Amino acid sequence: MKSKLLITVTIFIITMISSCTTYYLSTDSLKQQFAGIDSTRLKDVIVTGPYNERYKYEANPIVSIQCTDKNGNLHQLKNSPSIETRFTYGHKNKKTIFYFDRIFVSGDKIYGVESRFASFIKSSIPLDSITKIEVQDGRKKFKYVDK
């Protein structure tokens, strides 16, 4: 009985670790994908959360994210409310996480929202200070509601 439980727990942990693939974007790729998308091009969306709660906010219109895996292979990741983007920047390698659908580029900065629940938590990062951009599906149960 204990060995079955151990095997089940091990499989669960391996599945969770392997299902959260991290992808990468260069700053140039980010700029290209957001070319022409600023705060005036955002669209209204409705999102349901894990407990069927609803959120309404403005999201960028990007449908899929062009990124690479750790081996440099190209991938297209479908944009969704659960996609998280981790920016490493500055001389102290500070990290900030934005939801991908809540970011846009304007001028020499990227702007984003850090919290799904407290959307007033916004910040910006100078593009020229970014050293790494990681994209990952956080597997959180947020989904767009079709209109």
Protein backbone atom coordinates (compact mmCIF):
# COMPACT_ATOMS: atom_id res chain seq x y z
CA MET A 1 0.00 0.00 0.00
CA LYS A 2 2.79 2.45 0.91
CA SER A 3 4.64 1.68 -2.32
CA LYS A 4 1.51 2.42 -4.41
CA LEU A 5 1.12 5.75 -2.66
CA LEU A 6 4.80 6.56 -3.18
CA ILE A 7 4.55 5.69 -6.87
CA THR A 8 1.41 7.81 -7.28
CA VAL A 9 2.99 10.79 -5.53
CA THR A 10 6.18 10.43 -7.60
CA ILE A 11 4.23 10.33 -10.88
CA PHE A 12 2.22 13.38 -9.81
CA ILE A 13 5.37 15.37 -8.99
CA ILE A 14 7.07 14.40 -12.25
CA THR A 15 3.97 15.37 -14.21
CA MET A 16 3.76 18.75 -12.50
CA ILE A 17 7.44 19.50 -13.06
CA SER A 18 7.44 18.45 -16.70
CA SER A 19 4.16 20.15 -17.59
CA CYS A 20 5.44 23.63 -16.77
CA THR A 21 7.81 24.09 -19.69
CA THR A 22 9.66 27.37 -19.69
CA TYR A 23 10.08 29.17 -23.00
CA TYR A 24 12.24 32.17 -23.81
CA LEU A 25 11.94 35.41 -25.74
CA SER A 26 14.63 37.83 -26.74
CA THR A 27 13.98 41.52 -26.19
CA ASP A 28 14.05 42.01 -29.98
CA SER A 29 11.45 39.28 -30.47
CA LEU A 30 9.26 40.86 -27.80
CA LYS A 31 9.50 44.25 -29.53
CA GLN A 32 8.63 42.69 -32.90
CA GLN A 33 5.63 40.81 -31.54
CA PHE A 34 4.32 43.96 -29.87
CA ALA A 35 5.02 46.28 -32.80
CA GLY A 36 1.98 48.52 -33.22
CA ILE A 37 0.34 47.33 -29.99
CA ASP A 38 0.09 50.01 -27.34
CA SER A 39 -2.48 50.92 -24.71
CA THR A 40 -4.91 52.10 -27.42
CA ARG A 41 -4.96 48.65 -29.11
CA LEU A 42 -5.97 46.64 -26.05
CA LYS A 43 -9.28 44.74 -26.21
CA ASP A 44 -11.91 44.15 -23.54
CA VAL A 45 -12.01 40.54 -22.31
CA ILE A 46 -13.89 38.60 -19.66
CA VAL A 47 -12.04 35.86 -17.81
CA THR A 48 -13.35 33.20 -15.46
CA GLY A 49 -11.20 32.03 -12.58
CA PRO A 50 -10.89 28.70 -10.76
CA TYR A 51 -14.02 29.34 -8.69
CA ASN A 52 -16.07 30.68 -11.63
CA GLU A 53 -15.44 34.26 -10.54
CA ARG A 54 -15.33 36.74 -13.43
CA TYR A 55 -12.82 39.44 -14.23
CA LYS A 56 -13.15 42.07 -16.92
CA TYR A 57 -10.06 43.86 -18.15
CA GLU A 58 -8.19 45.06 -21.21
CA ALA A 59 -5.79 42.55 -22.80
CA ASN A 60 -3.35 42.73 -25.67
CA PRO A 61 -4.65 41.21 -28.93
CA ILE A 62 -1.78 38.75 -29.44
CA VAL A 63 -3.15 35.29 -30.26
CA SER A 64 0.06 33.26 -30.06
CA ILE A 65 3.50 33.92 -28.63
CA GLN A 66 6.54 33.04 -30.71
CA CYS A 67 9.21 31.76 -28.36
CA THR A 68 12.01 29.20 -28.07
CA ASP A 69 12.68 26.31 -25.73
CA LYS A 70 15.95 25.80 -23.83
CA ASN A 71 17.50 24.19 -26.95
CA GLY A 72 16.61 27.13 -29.20
CA ASN A 73 13.76 25.33 -31.00
CA LEU A 74 10.93 27.60 -32.10
CA HIS A 75 7.48 27.21 -30.51
CA GLN A 76 4.16 28.98 -30.72
CA LEU A 77 2.42 29.21 -27.37
CA LYS A 78 -1.26 30.15 -27.40
CA ASN A 79 -1.84 33.31 -25.41
CA SER A 80 -4.18 32.83 -22.46
CA PRO A 81 -4.86 34.42 -19.07
CA SER A 82 -2.66 31.80 -17.37
CA ILE A 83 0.52 32.65 -19.31
CA GLU A 84 3.08 34.28 -17.03
CA THR A 85 6.11 36.23 -18.19
CA ARG A 86 9.14 36.58 -15.92
CA PHE A 87 11.48 39.48 -16.67
CA THR A 88 15.00 39.56 -15.27
CA TYR A 89 16.49 43.03 -15.50
CA GLY A 90 18.83 45.62 -14.05
CA HIS A 91 22.30 45.29 -12.61
CA LYS A 92 20.94 43.35 -9.61
CA ASN A 93 18.97 40.90 -11.82
CA LYS A 94 15.63 41.87 -10.32
CA LYS A 95 12.70 39.65 -11.35
CA THR A 96 9.15 40.77 -12.08
CA ILE A 97 6.30 38.58 -13.27
CA PHE A 98 3.53 39.94 -15.49
CA TYR A 99 0.59 38.11 -17.02
CA PHE A 100 1.39 37.99 -20.74
CA ASP A 101 -2.07 39.10 -21.86
CA ARG A 102 -1.76 42.19 -19.66
CA ILE A 103 1.49 43.57 -21.11
CA PHE A 104 2.23 46.05 -23.87
CA VAL A 105 5.25 47.96 -25.11
CA SER A 106 5.28 51.73 -25.36
CA GLY A 107 8.39 53.66 -26.29
CA ASP A 108 11.36 52.16 -24.51
CA LYS A 109 9.41 50.37 -21.73
CA ILE A 110 7.24 47.35 -21.22
CA TYR A 111 4.18 47.87 -19.04
CA GLY A 112 2.33 45.14 -17.22
CA VAL A 113 0.05 43.97 -14.44
CA GLU A 114 1.55 41.76 -11.74
CA SER A 115 -1.60 40.43 -10.06
CA ARG A 116 -4.83 38.99 -11.38
CA PHE A 117 -6.66 39.92 -8.14
CA ALA A 118 -5.18 43.37 -7.56
CA SER A 119 -5.01 44.80 -11.07
CA PHE A 120 -3.88 48.15 -9.72
CA ILE A 121 -0.43 46.60 -9.15
CA LYS A 122 1.18 47.79 -12.37
CA SER A 123 4.74 48.59 -13.24
CA SER A 124 7.09 49.20 -16.12
CA ILE A 125 10.53 47.93 -17.05
CA PRO A 126 13.00 49.69 -19.36
CA LEU A 127 13.50 47.42 -22.38
CA ASP A 128 17.25 48.05 -22.52
CA SER A 129 17.69 46.74 -18.95
CA ILE A 130 16.12 43.32 -19.64
CA THR A 131 18.58 40.42 -19.53
CA LYS A 132 16.16 37.49 -19.75
CA ILE A 133 12.49 36.91 -20.63
CA GLU A 134 10.89 33.61 -19.60
CA VAL A 135 7.37 32.58 -20.60
CA GLN A 136 5.46 29.80 -18.88
CA ASP A 137 1.92 28.53 -18.69
CA GLY A 138 1.26 28.72 -14.96
CA ARG A 139 -1.57 26.16 -15.41
CA LYS A 140 -3.84 28.36 -13.35
CA LYS A 141 -7.49 27.82 -14.18
CA PHE A 142 -8.19 31.15 -15.86
CA LYS A 143 -10.04 31.06 -19.19
CA TYR A 144 -11.40 33.62 -21.60
CA VAL A 145 -15.19 33.75 -21.88
CA ASP A 146 -16.30 33.76 -25.51
CA LYS A 147 -18.60 36.63 -26.33
